[in-house]
C-alpha atoms as a PDB file:
ATOM      1  CA  MET A   1      23.962  73.910  70.065  1.00  0.00           C
ATOM      2  CA  ASP A   2      27.305  72.358  71.507  1.00  0.00           C
ATOM      3  CA  PHE A   3      29.688  73.918  73.718  1.00  0.00           C
ATOM      4  CA  PHE A   4      31.763  75.151  71.082  1.00  0.00           C
ATOM      5  CA  GLU A   5      29.082  76.809  69.371  1.00  0.00           C
ATOM      6  CA  LEU A   6      27.954  78.460  72.312  1.00  0.00           C
ATOM      7  CA  SER A   7      31.731  79.975  73.344  1.00  0.00           C
ATOM      8  CA  ASP A   8      31.658  80.812  69.857  1.00  0.00           C
ATOM      9  CA  ALA A   9      28.719  82.554  69.744  1.00  0.00           C
ATOM     10  CA  ILE A  10      29.298  84.515  73.109  1.00  0.00           C
ATOM     11  CA  SER A  11      32.822  85.745  71.636  1.00  0.00           C
ATOM     12  CA  LYS A  12      31.212  86.933  68.557  1.00  0.00           C
ATOM     13  CA  ILE A  13      28.445  88.759  70.473  1.00  0.00           C
ATOM     14  CA  ARG A  14      30.849  90.444  72.890  1.00  0.00           C
ATOM     15  CA  LYS A  15      33.031  91.653  70.204  1.00  0.00           C
ATOM     16  CA  ASN A  16      30.322  92.832  68.369  1.00  0.00           C
ATOM     17  CA  ASN A  17      29.118  95.083  71.135  1.00  0.00           C
ATOM     18  CA  LYS A  18      32.743  96.369  71.508  1.00  0.00           C
ATOM     19  CA  ILE A  19      33.350  94.881  74.916  1.00  0.00           C
ATOM     20  CA  SER A  20      36.612  93.564  75.760  1.00  0.00           C
ATOM     21  CA  GLN A  21      37.244  90.574  77.971  1.00  0.00           C
ATOM     22  CA  GLN A  22      38.706  92.855  80.566  1.00  0.00           C
ATOM     23  CA  THR A  23      35.792  94.829  80.973  1.00  0.00           C
ATOM     24  CA  LEU A  24      33.683  91.842  81.263  1.00  0.00           C
ATOM     25  CA  SER A  25      36.011  90.429  83.926  1.00  0.00           C
ATOM     26  CA  GLN A  26      35.806  93.633  85.904  1.00  0.00           C
ATOM     27  CA  ASP A  27      32.132  93.943  85.784  1.00  0.00           C
ATOM     28  CA  LEU A  28      31.117  90.397  86.539  1.00  0.00           C
ATOM     29  CA  ASP A  29      33.960  89.669  88.788  1.00  0.00           C
ATOM     30  CA  ILE A  30      35.226  86.497  86.547  1.00  0.00           C
ATOM     31  CA  SER A  31      39.134  86.414  85.697  1.00  0.00           C
ATOM     32  CA  ARG A  32      39.702  87.280  82.381  1.00  0.00           C
ATOM     33  CA  ALA A  33      41.782  84.145  81.668  1.00  0.00           C
ATOM     34  CA  THR A  34      38.560  82.148  82.423  1.00  0.00           C
ATOM     35  CA  ILE A  35      36.585  84.333  80.031  1.00  0.00           C
ATOM     36  CA  SER A  36      39.551  83.805  77.326  1.00  0.00           C
ATOM     37  CA  ALA A  37      39.590  79.940  78.066  1.00  0.00           C
ATOM     38  CA  PHE A  38      35.822  79.711  77.715  1.00  0.00           C
ATOM     39  CA  GLU A  39      35.726  81.713  74.381  1.00  0.00           C
ATOM     40  CA  ASN A  40      38.268  79.565  72.922  1.00  0.00           C
ATOM     41  CA  ALA A  41      36.866  76.311  73.901  1.00  0.00           C
ATOM     42  CA  LYS A  42      39.950  75.405  76.040  1.00  0.00           C
ATOM     43  CA  SER A  43      37.936  75.093  79.416  1.00  0.00           C
ATOM     44  CA  SER A  44      34.346  73.493  79.789  1.00  0.00           C
ATOM     45  CA  ASP A  45      34.528  73.835  83.620  1.00  0.00           C
ATOM     46  CA  ILE A  46      33.380  77.733  83.444  1.00  0.00           C
ATOM     47  CA  GLY A  47      29.978  76.604  84.973  1.00  0.00           C
ATOM     48  CA  LEU A  48      26.387  77.491  84.150  1.00  0.00           C
ATOM     49  CA  LYS A  49      26.214  80.387  86.538  1.00  0.00           C
ATOM     50  CA  LYS A  50      29.023  82.067  85.131  1.00  0.00           C
ATOM     51  CA  VAL A  51      27.646  81.441  81.424  1.00  0.00           C
ATOM     52  CA  MET A  52      24.091  82.568  82.456  1.00  0.00           C
ATOM     53  CA  GLN A  53      26.081  85.949  84.224  1.00  0.00           C
ATOM     54  CA  ILE A  54      27.678  86.813  80.971  1.00  0.00           C
ATOM     55  CA  LEU A  55      24.763  86.123  78.874  1.00  0.00           C
ATOM     56  CA  ASP A  56      22.700  88.462  81.019  1.00  0.00           C
ATOM     57  CA  TYR A  57      25.230  90.981  80.742  1.00  0.00           C
ATOM     58  CA  LEU A  58      25.123  90.788  76.846  1.00  0.00           C
ATOM     59  CA  GLY A  59      21.758  90.914  76.919  1.00  0.00           C
ATOM     60  CA  TYR A  60      20.875  87.478  76.047  1.00  0.00           C
ATOM     61  CA  GLU A  61      19.454  84.480  77.703  1.00  0.00           C
ATOM     62  CA  ILE A  62      19.406  80.895  76.780  1.00  0.00           C
ATOM     63  CA  SER A  63      15.772  79.056  76.271  1.00  0.00           C
ATOM     64  CA  LEU A  64      15.225  75.347  75.920  1.00  0.00           C
ATOM     65  CA  LYS A  65      13.739  73.383  73.038  1.00  0.00           C
ATOM     66  CA  GLU A  66      13.043  69.839  72.369  1.00  0.00           C
ATOM     67  CA  LYS A  67      15.449  68.176  70.271  1.00  0.00           C
ATOM     68  CA  SER A  68      14.249  66.903  66.587  1.00  0.00           C
ATOM     69  CA  THR A  69      14.780  63.802  65.485  1.00  0.00           C
ATOM     70  CA  PHE A  70      15.216  65.429  62.011  1.00  0.00           C
ATOM     71  CA  PRO A  71      18.541  67.341  61.034  1.00  0.00           C
ATOM     72  CA  THR A  72      18.366  70.941  60.839  1.00  0.00           C
ATOM     73  CA  PHE A  73      19.052  72.838  57.819  1.00  0.00           C
ATOM     74  CA  GLU A  74      22.265  73.948  59.265  1.00  0.00           C
ATOM     75  CA  GLU A  75      23.134  70.576  59.985  1.00  0.00           C
ATOM     76  CA  LEU A  76      22.504  69.522  56.505  1.00  0.00           C
ATOM     77  CA  ARG A  77      24.045  72.314  54.824  1.00  0.00           C
ATOM     78  CA  ASP A  78      27.340  71.726  56.872  1.00  0.00           C
ATOM     79  CA  ALA A  79      27.255  67.945  56.292  1.00  0.00           C
END
């Protein structure tokens, strides 16, 4: 997953849970402009701490896995 996929996934999760950017902004004390720029992949300097706060708020977490040398099914499908 790259930065663009992460920001898109978080945006979709937020929308599916019917949480506005304004609500997220107020609850986490992160500017709505920062959230909007992140979700639209227009700013990559949001910082890991803020991304982790957003994910936690939405009930998600990041987990690490070793990168495979083989392409995933999704990568093959999208090629």
